[in-house]
């Protein structure tokens, strides 16, 4: 009976030891798991601050020629619709009917004088008259025709004749190079600068291209737009014209509408310094791709103790390990 009691007590002790051991192992596992979770903590590169603008593709240069009745009612256009021309090419010739009539009258007067009185006493006077009239005739001949030339190289577009229009449009010439015209509000004006790179989405075909801010006007547009429907009548915002040069003319046509994406951070952002390790003279971080560690070399400057400024090697929304440990290696699976 006594032996049986001893056996029962011993069994209870063994069970107790087993439970304690199990709990200790489980606790240790949780600590390791928590440690691993902490070591595997991720850092996501934040999205860069951006400005979105709307714009329209336009020729870099454009000029419209209207009928100039002071040069004459009759005119001749020397180019075909859609024809490409060089700078200085003759576009339009005017003939002034009034001057043509004056020229005809002068010619008749000169002819009459030459065939008129043959008296030697008046011949000297007649010759002087003829000489004076011929000078006037020469001046009128120079005014009979007027010319319009292409101010720049481009493409000619002949306008449809409309005799009922007072200021009749004859033709347009447009440069073959394009740029984008847009506007920026006063709220964003000081956030952008000339020569700044921009991303461009062409709405007509969803193609993407790039450009550069070529000009920012310091004169606002005349029209003012209310900030919101609840704004008071006196609350408005000024918009300033900007011009953007295109990197490429591919997939672009005159009049296309575009969306302009301007990044404000200049491609620099901060990451925890603990995420950076050195390999010789190079610095790297561990990118997380498909739950695996991938070594990514970067350029970075330590601006603060806890954070470093990345110059190149990473982009927005990249996911990296926040703190690199000595146990980590490339290709390691991260849960």
C-alpha atoms as a PDB file:
ATOM      1  CA  UNK A   1       0.000   0.000   0.000  1.00  0.00           C
ATOM      2  CA  UNK A   2       2.819   2.325   0.896  1.00  0.00           C
ATOM      3  CA  UNK A   3       4.662   1.533  -2.359  1.00  0.00           C
ATOM      4  CA  UNK A   4       1.530   2.295  -4.304  1.00  0.00           C
ATOM      5  CA  UNK A   5       1.243   5.746  -2.719  1.00  0.00           C
ATOM      6  CA  UNK A   6       4.892   6.463  -3.507  1.00  0.00           C
ATOM      7  CA  UNK A   7       4.322   5.458  -7.161  1.00  0.00           C
ATOM      8  CA  UNK A   8       1.297   7.758  -7.450  1.00  0.00           C
ATOM      9  CA  UNK A   9       3.203  10.703  -5.956  1.00  0.00           C
ATOM     10  CA  UNK A  10       6.118  10.052  -8.305  1.00  0.00           C
ATOM     11  CA  UNK A  11       3.770   9.979 -11.296  1.00  0.00           C
ATOM     12  CA  UNK A  12       2.199  13.250 -10.256  1.00  0.00           C
ATOM     13  CA  UNK A  13       5.653  14.822  -9.928  1.00  0.00           C
ATOM     14  CA  UNK A  14       6.632  13.600 -13.392  1.00  0.00           C
ATOM     15  CA  UNK A  15       3.424  14.954 -14.894  1.00  0.00           C
ATOM     16  CA  UNK A  16       3.987  18.300 -13.181  1.00  0.00           C
ATOM     17  CA  UNK A  17       7.588  18.453 -14.443  1.00  0.00           C
ATOM     18  CA  UNK A  18       6.356  17.632 -17.953  1.00  0.00           C
ATOM     19  CA  UNK A  19       3.735  20.398 -17.870  1.00  0.00           C
ATOM     20  CA  UNK A  20       6.235  22.944 -16.577  1.00  0.00           C
ATOM     21  CA  UNK A  21       8.742  21.932 -19.247  1.00  0.00           C
ATOM     22  CA  UNK A  22       6.141  22.159 -21.987  1.00  0.00           C
ATOM     23  CA  UNK A  23       5.069  25.607 -20.854  1.00  0.00           C
ATOM     24  CA  UNK A  24       8.686  26.780 -20.714  1.00  0.00           C
ATOM     25  CA  UNK A  25       9.398  25.492 -24.239  1.00  0.00           C
ATOM     26  CA  UNK A  26       6.209  27.072 -25.546  1.00  0.00           C
ATOM     27  CA  UNK A  27       7.037  30.371 -23.852  1.00  0.00           C
ATOM     28  CA  UNK A  28      10.546  30.265 -25.305  1.00  0.00           C
ATOM     29  CA  UNK A  29       9.105  29.564 -28.744  1.00  0.00           C
ATOM     30  CA  UNK A  30       6.801  32.529 -28.475  1.00  0.00           C
ATOM     31  CA  UNK A  31       9.701  34.733 -27.426  1.00  0.00           C
ATOM     32  CA  UNK A  32      11.733  33.565 -30.413  1.00  0.00           C
ATOM     33  CA  UNK A  33       8.747  34.036 -32.681  1.00  0.00           C
ATOM     34  CA  UNK A  34       8.189  37.532 -31.330  1.00  0.00           C
ATOM     35  CA  UNK A  35      11.880  38.249 -31.758  1.00  0.00           C
ATOM     36  CA  UNK A  36      11.803  36.963 -35.319  1.00  0.00           C
ATOM     37  CA  UNK A  37       8.683  38.982 -36.027  1.00  0.00           C
ATOM     38  CA  UNK A  38      10.382  42.057 -34.657  1.00  0.00           C
ATOM     39  CA  UNK A  39      13.518  41.394 -36.684  1.00  0.00           C
ATOM     40  CA  UNK A  40      11.384  40.804 -39.797  1.00  0.00           C
ATOM     41  CA  UNK A  41       9.443  44.027 -39.369  1.00  0.00           C
ATOM     42  CA  UNK A  42       8.841  45.650 -42.724  1.00  0.00           C
ATOM     43  CA  UNK A  43       9.114  49.240 -43.892  1.00  0.00           C
ATOM     44  CA  UNK A  44       7.231  50.436 -46.962  1.00  0.00           C
ATOM     45  CA  UNK A  45       8.660  53.364 -48.917  1.00  0.00           C
ATOM     46  CA  UNK A  46       5.935  56.048 -48.813  1.00  0.00           C
ATOM     47  CA  UNK A  47       4.422  57.422 -51.982  1.00  0.00           C
ATOM     48  CA  UNK A  48       5.944  60.663 -53.183  1.00  0.00           C
ATOM     49  CA  UNK A  49       3.892  63.838 -52.976  1.00  0.00           C
ATOM     50  CA  UNK A  50       2.561  64.813 -56.384  1.00  0.00           C
ATOM     51  CA  UNK A  51       0.628  67.503 -58.223  1.00  0.00           C
ATOM     52  CA  UNK A  52      -1.779  66.498 -60.984  1.00  0.00           C
ATOM     53  CA  UNK A  53      -2.590  68.993 -63.748  1.00  0.00           C
ATOM     54  CA  UNK A  54      -4.584  68.874 -66.976  1.00  0.00           C
ATOM     55  CA  UNK A  55      -3.119  70.150 -70.224  1.00  0.00           C
ATOM     56  CA  UNK A  56      -3.594  70.393 -73.990  1.00  0.00           C
ATOM     57  CA  UNK A  57      -1.056  69.631 -76.740  1.00  0.00           C
ATOM     58  CA  UNK A  58      -0.411  72.648 -78.976  1.00  0.00           C
ATOM     59  CA  UNK A  59       2.129  73.629 -81.633  1.00  0.00           C
ATOM     60  CA  UNK A  60       5.097  75.494 -80.186  1.00  0.00           C
ATOM     61  CA  UNK A  61       4.414  78.242 -82.754  1.00  0.00           C
ATOM     62  CA  UNK A  62       1.255  79.154 -84.641  1.00  0.00           C
ATOM     63  CA  UNK A  63       0.151  82.108 -86.762  1.00  0.00           C
ATOM     64  CA  UNK A  64      -3.087  82.865 -88.583  1.00  0.00           C
ATOM     65  CA  UNK A  65      -3.099  85.041 -91.712  1.00  0.00           C
ATOM     66  CA  UNK A  66      -6.251  87.127 -92.297  1.00  0.00           C
ATOM     67  CA  UNK A  67      -7.233  88.912 -95.481  1.00  0.00           C
ATOM     68  CA  UNK A  68      -5.755  92.423 -95.435  1.00  0.00           C
ATOM     69  CA  UNK A  69      -7.909  94.619 -97.666  1.00  0.00           C
ATOM     70  CA  UNK A  70      -5.436  97.490 -97.308  1.00  0.00           C
ATOM     71  CA  UNK A  71      -3.062  95.419 -99.434  1.00  0.00           C
ATOM     72  CA  UNK A  72      -5.680  94.583-102.030  1.00  0.00           C
ATOM     73  CA  UNK A  73      -8.857  92.644-102.710  1.00  0.00           C
ATOM     74  CA  UNK A  74      -7.163  90.139-104.991  1.00  0.00           C
ATOM     75  CA  UNK A  75      -4.732  87.614-103.583  1.00  0.00           C
ATOM     76  CA  UNK A  76      -2.982  84.366-104.510  1.00  0.00           C
ATOM     77  CA  UNK A  77      -2.073  81.601-102.047  1.00  0.00           C
ATOM     78  CA  UNK A  78       1.068  79.840-103.219  1.00  0.00           C
ATOM     79  CA  UNK A  79       0.914  76.727-100.998  1.00  0.00           C
ATOM     80  CA  UNK A  80      -1.294  73.640-100.813  1.00  0.00           C
ATOM     81  CA  UNK A  81      -3.255  72.563 -97.773  1.00  0.00           C
ATOM     82  CA  UNK A  82      -1.055  70.454 -95.473  1.00  0.00           C
ATOM     83  CA  UNK A  83       2.161  71.442 -97.253  1.00  0.00           C
ATOM     84  CA  UNK A  84       5.329  71.764 -95.167  1.00  0.00           C
ATOM     85  CA  UNK A  85       7.220  75.018 -95.705  1.00  0.00           C
ATOM     86  CA  UNK A  86      10.517  76.522 -94.652  1.00  0.00           C
ATOM     87  CA  UNK A  87      10.987  79.807 -92.864  1.00  0.00           C
ATOM     88  CA  UNK A  88      10.798  82.661 -95.397  1.00  0.00           C
ATOM     89  CA  UNK A  89       8.685  80.738 -97.942  1.00  0.00           C
ATOM     90  CA  UNK A  90       6.256  82.897 -99.956  1.00  0.00           C
ATOM     91  CA  UNK A  91       2.706  82.208 -98.764  1.00  0.00           C
ATOM     92  CA  UNK A  92       0.414  84.955-100.145  1.00  0.00           C
ATOM     93  CA  UNK A  93       0.642  87.626-102.852  1.00  0.00           C
ATOM     94  CA  UNK A  94      -1.809  90.568-102.877  1.00  0.00           C
ATOM     95  CA  UNK A  95      -2.563  92.720-105.923  1.00  0.00           C
ATOM     96  CA  UNK A  96      -3.923  96.209-105.222  1.00  0.00           C
ATOM     97  CA  UNK A  97      -6.550  97.096-107.866  1.00  0.00           C
ATOM     98  CA  UNK A  98      -6.549 100.776-106.940  1.00  0.00           C
ATOM     99  CA  UNK A  99      -2.815 101.050-107.508  1.00  0.00           C
ATOM    100  CA  UNK A 100      -3.166  99.056-110.745  1.00  0.00           C
ATOM    101  CA  UNK A 101      -5.662 101.671-111.939  1.00  0.00           C
ATOM    102  CA  UNK A 102      -3.285 104.491-110.982  1.00  0.00           C
ATOM    103  CA  UNK A 103      -0.470 102.764-112.865  1.00  0.00           C
ATOM    104  CA  UNK A 104      -2.681 102.498-115.944  1.00  0.00           C
ATOM    105  CA  UNK A 105      -3.540 106.204-115.737  1.00  0.00           C
ATOM    106  CA  UNK A 106       0.123 107.191-115.440  1.00  0.00           C
ATOM    107  CA  UNK A 107       1.055 105.034-118.413  1.00  0.00           C
ATOM    108  CA  UNK A 108      -1.659 106.756-120.473  1.00  0.00           C
ATOM    109  CA  UNK A 109      -0.381 110.189-119.421  1.00  0.00           C
ATOM    110  CA  UNK A 110       3.192 109.308-120.329  1.00  0.00           C
ATOM    111  CA  UNK A 111       2.042 107.922-123.683  1.00  0.00           C
ATOM    112  CA  UNK A 112       0.042 111.072-124.440  1.00  0.00           C
ATOM    113  CA  UNK A 113       2.995 113.308-123.585  1.00  0.00           C
ATOM    114  CA  UNK A 114       5.342 111.325-125.791  1.00  0.00           C
ATOM    115  CA  UNK A 115       2.994 111.470-128.769  1.00  0.00           C
ATOM    116  CA  UNK A 116       1.861 115.068-128.183  1.00  0.00           C
ATOM    117  CA  UNK A 117       3.299 118.474-129.092  1.00  0.00           C
ATOM    118  CA  UNK A 118       6.546 118.248-131.084  1.00  0.00           C
ATOM    119  CA  UNK A 119       7.378 121.914-130.666  1.00  0.00           C
ATOM    120  CA  UNK A 120      11.009 122.170-129.653  1.00  0.00           C
ATOM    121  CA  UNK A 121      10.240 125.066-127.309  1.00  0.00           C
ATOM    122  CA  UNK A 122       8.036 122.871-125.093  1.00  0.00           C
ATOM    123  CA  UNK A 123       9.968 119.600-125.508  1.00  0.00           C
ATOM    124  CA  UNK A 124      12.176 120.332-122.492  1.00  0.00           C
ATOM    125  CA  UNK A 125       9.144 120.817-120.255  1.00  0.00           C
ATOM    126  CA  UNK A 126       7.487 117.679-121.616  1.00  0.00           C
ATOM    127  CA  UNK A 127      10.609 115.619-120.919  1.00  0.00           C
ATOM    128  CA  UNK A 128      10.656 116.835-117.313  1.00  0.00           C
ATOM    129  CA  UNK A 129       6.976 115.922-116.912  1.00  0.00           C
ATOM    130  CA  UNK A 130       7.599 112.471-118.359  1.00  0.00           C
ATOM    131  CA  UNK A 131      10.595 111.954-116.075  1.00  0.00           C
ATOM    132  CA  UNK A 132       8.529 112.902-113.013  1.00  0.00           C
ATOM    133  CA  UNK A 133       5.632 110.647-114.050  1.00  0.00           C
ATOM    134  CA  UNK A 134       7.982 107.714-114.635  1.00  0.00           C
ATOM    135  CA  UNK A 135       9.343 108.116-111.099  1.00  0.00           C
ATOM    136  CA  UNK A 136       5.805 108.036-109.748  1.00  0.00           C
ATOM    137  CA  UNK A 137       5.090 104.994-111.927  1.00  0.00           C
ATOM    138  CA  UNK A 138       8.104 103.160-110.520  1.00  0.00           C
ATOM    139  CA  UNK A 139       6.991 103.848-106.948  1.00  0.00           C
ATOM    140  CA  UNK A 140       3.457 102.629-107.686  1.00  0.00           C
ATOM    141  CA  UNK A 141       4.752  99.431-109.283  1.00  0.00           C
ATOM    142  CA  UNK A 142       6.584  98.645-106.026  1.00  0.00           C
ATOM    143  CA  UNK A 143       3.291  99.063-104.166  1.00  0.00           C
ATOM    144  CA  UNK A 144       1.150  97.081-106.597  1.00  0.00           C
ATOM    145  CA  UNK A 145       2.053  93.743-105.016  1.00  0.00           C
ATOM    146  CA  UNK A 146       2.389  92.877-101.337  1.00  0.00           C
ATOM    147  CA  UNK A 147       3.724  89.610 -99.956  1.00  0.00           C
ATOM    148  CA  UNK A 148       3.300  87.435 -96.858  1.00  0.00           C
ATOM    149  CA  UNK A 149       6.117  85.050 -95.897  1.00  0.00           C
ATOM    150  CA  UNK A 150       6.331  82.129 -93.454  1.00  0.00           C
ATOM    151  CA  UNK A 151       7.731  83.459 -90.145  1.00  0.00           C
ATOM    152  CA  UNK A 152       8.948  79.960 -89.197  1.00  0.00           C
ATOM    153  CA  UNK A 153       9.138  76.438 -90.607  1.00  0.00           C
ATOM    154  CA  UNK A 154       5.888  74.542 -90.297  1.00  0.00           C
ATOM    155  CA  UNK A 155       2.786  73.131 -91.953  1.00  0.00           C
ATOM    156  CA  UNK A 156       0.230  75.210 -93.856  1.00  0.00           C
ATOM    157  CA  UNK A 157      -3.525  74.786 -93.414  1.00  0.00           C
ATOM    158  CA  UNK A 158      -5.735  76.596 -95.942  1.00  0.00           C
ATOM    159  CA  UNK A 159      -8.921  78.001 -94.462  1.00  0.00           C
ATOM    160  CA  UNK A 160     -12.330  77.606 -96.071  1.00  0.00           C
ATOM    161  CA  UNK A 161     -13.369  80.680 -98.050  1.00  0.00           C
ATOM    162  CA  UNK A 162     -16.158  82.681 -96.470  1.00  0.00           C
ATOM    163  CA  UNK A 163     -16.916  85.870 -98.404  1.00  0.00           C
ATOM    164  CA  UNK A 164     -19.438  87.006 -95.772  1.00  0.00           C
ATOM    165  CA  UNK A 165     -16.834  87.291 -93.010  1.00  0.00           C
ATOM    166  CA  UNK A 166     -15.376  90.740 -92.554  1.00  0.00           C
ATOM    167  CA  UNK A 167     -12.034  89.550 -91.176  1.00  0.00           C
ATOM    168  CA  UNK A 168     -11.626  86.557 -93.476  1.00  0.00           C
ATOM    169  CA  UNK A 169      -9.122  83.879 -92.410  1.00  0.00           C
ATOM    170  CA  UNK A 170      -6.890  82.793 -95.313  1.00  0.00           C
ATOM    171  CA  UNK A 171      -4.526  80.252 -93.798  1.00  0.00           C
ATOM    172  CA  UNK A 172      -2.713  79.063 -90.684  1.00  0.00           C
ATOM    173  CA  UNK A 173       0.849  77.944 -90.269  1.00  0.00           C
ATOM    174  CA  UNK A 174       1.776  75.694 -87.365  1.00  0.00           C
ATOM    175  CA  UNK A 175       5.177  74.473 -86.299  1.00  0.00           C
ATOM    176  CA  UNK A 176       5.694  70.711 -86.471  1.00  0.00           C
ATOM    177  CA  UNK A 177       6.958  70.681 -82.876  1.00  0.00           C
ATOM    178  CA  UNK A 178       4.494  70.472 -79.992  1.00  0.00           C
ATOM    179  CA  UNK A 179       4.393  71.483 -76.362  1.00  0.00           C
ATOM    180  CA  UNK A 180       1.757  71.349 -73.629  1.00  0.00           C
ATOM    181  CA  UNK A 181      -0.162  74.291 -72.241  1.00  0.00           C
ATOM    182  CA  UNK A 182      -1.503  73.975 -68.713  1.00  0.00           C
ATOM    183  CA  UNK A 183      -2.286  75.983 -65.577  1.00  0.00           C
ATOM    184  CA  UNK A 184      -1.172  75.720 -61.961  1.00  0.00           C
ATOM    185  CA  UNK A 185      -3.079  77.253 -59.067  1.00  0.00           C
ATOM    186  CA  UNK A 186      -1.575  79.776 -56.689  1.00  0.00           C
ATOM    187  CA  UNK A 187      -1.554  77.066 -54.000  1.00  0.00           C
ATOM    188  CA  UNK A 188       0.884  74.955 -56.002  1.00  0.00           C
ATOM    189  CA  UNK A 189       2.808  77.688 -57.825  1.00  0.00           C
ATOM    190  CA  UNK A 190       5.750  77.834 -55.415  1.00  0.00           C
ATOM    191  CA  UNK A 191       6.054  74.029 -55.326  1.00  0.00           C
ATOM    192  CA  UNK A 192       7.181  73.716 -58.946  1.00  0.00           C
ATOM    193  CA  UNK A 193      10.056  75.205 -60.905  1.00  0.00           C
ATOM    194  CA  UNK A 194      11.337  75.514 -64.447  1.00  0.00           C
ATOM    195  CA  UNK A 195      13.417  72.586 -65.811  1.00  0.00           C
ATOM    196  CA  UNK A 196      11.557  70.212 -63.470  1.00  0.00           C
ATOM    197  CA  UNK A 197      10.814  66.764 -64.928  1.00  0.00           C
ATOM    198  CA  UNK A 198       7.179  65.640 -65.260  1.00  0.00           C
ATOM    199  CA  UNK A 199       5.352  62.441 -66.222  1.00  0.00           C
ATOM    200  CA  UNK A 200       2.625  62.726 -68.862  1.00  0.00           C
ATOM    201  CA  UNK A 201      -0.373  60.487 -69.583  1.00  0.00           C
ATOM    202  CA  UNK A 202      -1.926  60.922 -73.057  1.00  0.00           C
ATOM    203  CA  UNK A 203      -5.656  60.478 -72.476  1.00  0.00           C
ATOM    204  CA  UNK A 204      -6.479  59.593 -76.103  1.00  0.00           C
ATOM    205  CA  UNK A 205      -4.422  56.381 -76.120  1.00  0.00           C
ATOM    206  CA  UNK A 206      -3.271  55.842 -72.504  1.00  0.00           C
ATOM    207  CA  UNK A 207       0.357  56.154 -73.625  1.00  0.00           C
ATOM    208  CA  UNK A 208       2.940  57.645 -71.267  1.00  0.00           C
ATOM    209  CA  UNK A 209       5.790  60.015 -71.961  1.00  0.00           C
ATOM    210  CA  UNK A 210       7.888  62.584 -70.126  1.00  0.00           C
ATOM    211  CA  UNK A 211       8.536  66.278 -70.344  1.00  0.00           C
ATOM    212  CA  UNK A 212      10.116  69.303 -68.707  1.00  0.00           C
ATOM    213  CA  UNK A 213       8.560  72.494 -67.372  1.00  0.00           C
ATOM    214  CA  UNK A 214       9.863  75.103 -69.819  1.00  0.00           C
ATOM    215  CA  UNK A 215       8.092  78.228 -68.596  1.00  0.00           C
ATOM    216  CA  UNK A 216       6.000  79.381 -65.631  1.00  0.00           C
ATOM    217  CA  UNK A 217       4.201  82.675 -66.124  1.00  0.00           C
ATOM    218  CA  UNK A 218       4.026  85.131 -63.245  1.00  0.00           C
ATOM    219  CA  UNK A 219       0.874  86.659 -64.743  1.00  0.00           C
ATOM    220  CA  UNK A 220      -2.331  84.874 -63.685  1.00  0.00           C
ATOM    221  CA  UNK A 221      -5.096  84.050 -66.097  1.00  0.00           C
ATOM    222  CA  UNK A 222      -7.880  86.627 -66.166  1.00  0.00           C
ATOM    223  CA  UNK A 223     -10.531  84.109 -65.174  1.00  0.00           C
ATOM    224  CA  UNK A 224     -10.751  83.127 -61.509  1.00  0.00           C
ATOM    225  CA  UNK A 225     -12.300  79.883 -60.287  1.00  0.00           C
ATOM    226  CA  UNK A 226     -14.129  79.368 -56.977  1.00  0.00           C
ATOM    227  CA  UNK A 227     -12.395  76.976 -54.600  1.00  0.00           C
ATOM    228  CA  UNK A 228     -15.570  75.050 -53.770  1.00  0.00           C
ATOM    229  CA  UNK A 229     -19.310  75.379 -53.827  1.00  0.00           C
ATOM    230  CA  UNK A 230     -19.426  76.603 -50.235  1.00  0.00           C
ATOM    231  CA  UNK A 231     -16.836  79.308 -50.861  1.00  0.00           C
ATOM    232  CA  UNK A 232     -17.935  82.880 -50.514  1.00  0.00           C
ATOM    233  CA  UNK A 233     -18.170  85.013 -53.692  1.00  0.00           C
ATOM    234  CA  UNK A 234     -14.954  86.794 -52.708  1.00  0.00           C
ATOM    235  CA  UNK A 235     -12.986  83.566 -52.232  1.00  0.00           C
ATOM    236  CA  UNK A 236     -11.193  82.589 -55.449  1.00  0.00           C
ATOM    237  CA  UNK A 237      -7.923  81.149 -56.660  1.00  0.00           C
ATOM    238  CA  UNK A 238      -5.657  82.445 -59.414  1.00  0.00           C
ATOM    239  CA  UNK A 239      -4.239  80.120 -62.040  1.00  0.00           C
ATOM    240  CA  UNK A 240      -0.907  80.654 -63.753  1.00  0.00           C
ATOM    241  CA  UNK A 241      -0.100  79.413 -67.280  1.00  0.00           C
ATOM    242  CA  UNK A 242       2.767  76.955 -67.651  1.00  0.00           C
ATOM    243  CA  UNK A 243       4.425  75.472 -70.739  1.00  0.00           C
ATOM    244  CA  UNK A 244       5.831  71.944 -70.820  1.00  0.00           C
ATOM    245  CA  UNK A 245       8.253  70.681 -73.464  1.00  0.00           C
ATOM    246  CA  UNK A 246       7.758  67.099 -74.619  1.00  0.00           C
ATOM    247  CA  UNK A 247      10.572  64.560 -74.601  1.00  0.00           C
ATOM    248  CA  UNK A 248       9.069  62.803 -77.642  1.00  0.00           C
ATOM    249  CA  UNK A 249       6.423  63.499 -80.306  1.00  0.00           C
ATOM    250  CA  UNK A 250       5.437  59.827 -80.516  1.00  0.00           C
ATOM    251  CA  UNK A 251       1.685  59.151 -80.055  1.00  0.00           C
ATOM    252  CA  UNK A 252       1.019  62.901 -79.853  1.00  0.00           C
ATOM    253  CA  UNK A 253      -1.332  64.961 -82.030  1.00  0.00           C
ATOM    254  CA  UNK A 254      -2.285  68.615 -81.923  1.00  0.00           C
ATOM    255  CA  UNK A 255      -5.218  69.134 -79.544  1.00  0.00           C
ATOM    256  CA  UNK A 256      -4.733  65.948 -77.495  1.00  0.00           C
ATOM    257  CA  UNK A 257      -5.571  66.280 -73.797  1.00  0.00           C
ATOM    258  CA  UNK A 258      -3.103  65.012 -71.215  1.00  0.00           C
ATOM    259  CA  UNK A 259      -2.717  64.523 -67.475  1.00  0.00           C
ATOM    260  CA  UNK A 260       0.513  65.861 -65.979  1.00  0.00           C
ATOM    261  CA  UNK A 261       2.076  64.265 -62.915  1.00  0.00           C
ATOM    262  CA  UNK A 262       4.646  66.426 -61.080  1.00  0.00           C
ATOM    263  CA  UNK A 263       6.606  64.803 -58.246  1.00  0.00           C
ATOM    264  CA  UNK A 264       7.481  67.210 -55.458  1.00  0.00           C
ATOM    265  CA  UNK A 265      10.041  65.175 -53.478  1.00  0.00           C
ATOM    266  CA  UNK A 266      12.779  65.211 -56.118  1.00  0.00           C
ATOM    267  CA  UNK A 267      13.003  61.401 -55.830  1.00  0.00           C
ATOM    268  CA  UNK A 268      14.562  61.592 -52.334  1.00  0.00           C
ATOM    269  CA  UNK A 269      13.004  60.012 -49.253  1.00  0.00           C
ATOM    270  CA  UNK A 270      14.061  58.719 -45.838  1.00  0.00           C
ATOM    271  CA  UNK A 271      14.336  55.160 -44.524  1.00  0.00           C
ATOM    272  CA  UNK A 272      15.412  53.852 -41.103  1.00  0.00           C
ATOM    273  CA  UNK A 273      19.202  53.749 -40.814  1.00  0.00           C
ATOM    274  CA  UNK A 274      18.808  50.284 -39.226  1.00  0.00           C
ATOM    275  CA  UNK A 275      17.611  49.035 -42.638  1.00  0.00           C
ATOM    276  CA  UNK A 276      20.993  49.777 -44.238  1.00  0.00           C
ATOM    277  CA  UNK A 277      24.082  47.562 -44.186  1.00  0.00           C
ATOM    278  CA  UNK A 278      27.472  48.059 -45.795  1.00  0.00           C
ATOM    279  CA  UNK A 279      29.292  45.696 -48.116  1.00  0.00           C
ATOM    280  CA  UNK A 280      32.715  47.235 -48.575  1.00  0.00           C
ATOM    281  CA  UNK A 281      32.136  50.718 -49.918  1.00  0.00           C
ATOM    282  CA  UNK A 282      28.593  49.873 -50.972  1.00  0.00           C
ATOM    283  CA  UNK A 283      25.363  50.178 -49.045  1.00  0.00           C
ATOM    284  CA  UNK A 284      22.417  47.847 -49.370  1.00  0.00           C
ATOM    285  CA  UNK A 285      19.008  47.028 -47.997  1.00  0.00           C
ATOM    286  CA  UNK A 286      16.924  43.866 -48.141  1.00  0.00           C
ATOM    287  CA  UNK A 287      13.961  44.192 -50.457  1.00  0.00           C
ATOM    288  CA  UNK A 288      11.086  41.812 -49.826  1.00  0.00           C
ATOM    289  CA  UNK A 289       9.943  40.202 -53.070  1.00  0.00           C
ATOM    290  CA  UNK A 290       7.604  37.214 -53.082  1.00  0.00           C
ATOM    291  CA  UNK A 291       8.316  36.870 -49.320  1.00  0.00           C
ATOM    292  CA  UNK A 292      12.050  36.451 -49.968  1.00  0.00           C
ATOM    293  CA  UNK A 293      14.957  38.738 -49.122  1.00  0.00           C
ATOM    294  CA  UNK A 294      16.660  40.357 -52.122  1.00  0.00           C
ATOM    295  CA  UNK A 295      19.810  42.426 -51.662  1.00  0.00           C
ATOM    296  CA  UNK A 296      19.357  45.872 -53.194  1.00  0.00           C
ATOM    297  CA  UNK A 297      22.306  48.256 -53.417  1.00  0.00           C
ATOM    298  CA  UNK A 298      21.469  51.904 -52.817  1.00  0.00           C
ATOM    299  CA  UNK A 299      23.011  55.343 -52.481  1.00  0.00           C
ATOM    300  CA  UNK A 300      22.127  57.031 -49.220  1.00  0.00           C
ATOM    301  CA  UNK A 301      23.264  59.822 -46.931  1.00  0.00           C
ATOM    302  CA  UNK A 302      22.916  59.731 -43.169  1.00  0.00           C
ATOM    303  CA  UNK A 303      21.145  62.984 -42.370  1.00  0.00           C
ATOM    304  CA  UNK A 304      19.884  61.933 -38.953  1.00  0.00           C
ATOM    305  CA  UNK A 305      20.756  59.243 -36.423  1.00  0.00           C
ATOM    306  CA  UNK A 306      17.603  57.211 -36.966  1.00  0.00           C
ATOM    307  CA  UNK A 307      16.906  57.966 -40.627  1.00  0.00           C
ATOM    308  CA  UNK A 308      18.972  58.193 -43.814  1.00  0.00           C
ATOM    309  CA  UNK A 309      18.115  59.952 -47.070  1.00  0.00           C
ATOM    310  CA  UNK A 310      18.012  57.669 -50.105  1.00  0.00           C
ATOM    311  CA  UNK A 311      19.426  59.178 -53.291  1.00  0.00           C
ATOM    312  CA  UNK A 312      18.911  56.209 -55.621  1.00  0.00           C
ATOM    313  CA  UNK A 313      18.186  52.496 -55.654  1.00  0.00           C
ATOM    314  CA  UNK A 314      14.661  52.480 -54.225  1.00  0.00           C
ATOM    315  CA  UNK A 315      11.271  53.693 -55.379  1.00  0.00           C
ATOM    316  CA  UNK A 316       7.925  54.410 -53.783  1.00  0.00           C
ATOM    317  CA  UNK A 317       5.985  51.403 -52.463  1.00  0.00           C
ATOM    318  CA  UNK A 318       9.133  49.247 -52.239  1.00  0.00           C
ATOM    319  CA  UNK A 319       9.020  46.999 -49.164  1.00  0.00           C
ATOM    320  CA  UNK A 320      12.230  46.492 -47.162  1.00  0.00           C
ATOM    321  CA  UNK A 321      13.382  44.972 -43.872  1.00  0.00           C
ATOM    322  CA  UNK A 322      13.294  47.660 -41.204  1.00  0.00           C
ATOM    323  CA  UNK A 323      16.188  46.247 -39.165  1.00  0.00           C
ATOM    324  CA  UNK A 324      18.797  43.927 -40.677  1.00  0.00           C
ATOM    325  CA  UNK A 325      20.305  41.273 -38.378  1.00  0.00           C
ATOM    326  CA  UNK A 326      23.411  39.139 -38.782  1.00  0.00           C
ATOM    327  CA  UNK A 327      21.251  36.010 -39.279  1.00  0.00           C
ATOM    328  CA  UNK A 328      19.579  37.405 -42.397  1.00  0.00           C
ATOM    329  CA  UNK A 329      20.795  36.449 -45.840  1.00  0.00           C
ATOM    330  CA  UNK A 330      19.678  36.859 -49.438  1.00  0.00           C
ATOM    331  CA  UNK A 331      17.012  34.403 -50.527  1.00  0.00           C
ATOM    332  CA  UNK A 332      15.769  33.844 -46.963  1.00  0.00           C
ATOM    333  CA  UNK A 333      12.019  33.308 -46.738  1.00  0.00           C
ATOM    334  CA  UNK A 334      10.142  35.883 -44.668  1.00  0.00           C
ATOM    335  CA  UNK A 335       6.663  35.084 -43.414  1.00  0.00           C
END
